[in-house]
Amino acid sequence: MFAKEHGMEYIETSAKTGSNVAEAFGKITEAIYKKVESGAIDVTLDSSGVRLGTEVKMEQLKDSRLSLNKSKKPKGGGCC
């Protein structure tokens, strides 16, 4: 599989049903968070491609925990 061969995550999702969409975003968010926390991504550099929101401080990131609400299911199609 392409993703595995290139060290990438792969999650099959469906915009139509909403299946695994929250999980995919959660995994991406967690991976970015871990890289910021470890210093692999420096959010102070524009070239990193990652910026903090205007209300977010690094202390808030360190104190927060990522969570997915897996009990929520999209109503209807879940997209568009």
Protein backbone atom coordinates (compact mmCIF):
# COMPACT_ATOMS: atom_id res chain seq x y z
CA MET A 1 0.00 0.00 0.00
CA PHE A 2 1.34 3.46 -0.92
CA ALA A 3 0.81 5.02 2.51
CA LYS A 4 2.60 2.24 4.38
CA GLU A 5 5.52 2.24 1.93
CA HIS A 6 5.99 5.98 2.50
CA GLY A 7 5.52 5.99 6.29
CA MET A 8 2.11 7.64 6.13
CA GLU A 9 -1.09 7.05 8.05
CA TYR A 10 -4.05 5.75 6.08
CA ILE A 11 -7.65 5.72 7.19
CA GLU A 12 -10.46 4.98 4.79
CA THR A 13 -13.19 7.60 5.21
CA SER A 14 -16.51 8.46 3.62
CA ALA A 15 -17.72 12.00 3.12
CA LYS A 16 -21.12 10.57 2.22
CA THR A 17 -21.68 8.66 5.47
CA GLY A 18 -19.15 10.47 7.67
CA SER A 19 -17.50 7.17 8.50
CA ASN A 20 -14.07 7.59 10.14
CA VAL A 21 -13.90 11.32 9.33
CA ALA A 22 -13.61 12.40 13.00
CA GLU A 23 -11.08 9.65 13.63
CA ALA A 24 -8.95 10.76 10.66
CA PHE A 25 -8.90 14.38 11.81
CA GLY A 26 -8.20 13.22 15.36
CA LYS A 27 -5.17 11.17 14.26
CA ILE A 28 -3.81 14.03 12.16
CA THR A 29 -4.32 16.50 15.01
CA GLU A 30 -2.66 14.19 17.52
CA ALA A 31 0.35 13.62 15.22
CA ILE A 32 0.81 17.36 14.72
CA TYR A 33 0.41 18.00 18.45
CA LYS A 34 3.07 15.40 19.30
CA LYS A 35 5.49 16.94 16.79
CA VAL A 36 4.90 20.43 18.20
CA GLU A 37 5.33 19.13 21.76
CA SER A 38 8.58 17.32 20.88
CA GLY A 39 9.99 20.33 19.05
CA ALA A 40 9.98 18.63 15.64
CA ILE A 41 7.64 21.41 14.47
CA ASP A 42 8.42 24.97 15.52
CA VAL A 43 5.19 26.95 15.41
CA THR A 44 7.12 30.22 15.59
CA LEU A 45 8.48 29.62 12.07
CA ASP A 46 6.17 30.46 9.19
CA SER A 47 7.91 27.78 7.15
CA SER A 48 6.67 25.05 9.51
CA GLY A 49 3.18 25.32 8.03
CA VAL A 50 1.65 25.17 11.52
CA ARG A 51 0.52 28.25 13.40
CA LEU A 52 -1.17 28.74 16.74
CA GLY A 53 -4.56 30.39 16.72
CA THR A 54 -4.79 33.89 18.17
CA GLU A 55 -6.33 32.55 21.38
CA VAL A 56 -4.02 29.56 21.85
CA LYS A 57 -0.88 29.60 23.97
CA MET A 58 1.65 26.76 24.20
CA GLU A 59 0.74 26.32 27.89
CA GLN A 60 -2.86 25.67 26.87
CA LEU A 61 -1.71 23.04 24.36
CA LYS A 62 0.33 21.26 27.01
CA ASP A 63 -2.60 21.27 29.46
CA SER A 64 -5.18 20.08 26.95
CA ARG A 65 -5.84 16.50 25.97
CA LEU A 66 -7.12 15.38 22.59
CA SER A 67 -10.31 13.39 22.59
CA LEU A 68 -12.75 12.12 20.05
CA ASN A 69 -16.44 11.90 20.76
CA LYS A 70 -17.04 8.57 19.05
CA SER A 71 -20.68 8.47 20.16
CA LYS A 72 -21.64 11.26 17.73
CA LYS A 73 -22.84 10.03 14.38
CA PRO A 74 -23.57 12.43 11.54
CA LYS A 75 -27.21 13.06 10.73
CA GLY A 76 -28.17 12.29 7.18
CA GLY A 77 -25.25 12.16 4.78
CA GLY A 78 -22.75 13.95 7.01
CA CYS A 79 -21.32 16.01 4.19
CA CYS A 80 -22.33 19.02 2.17
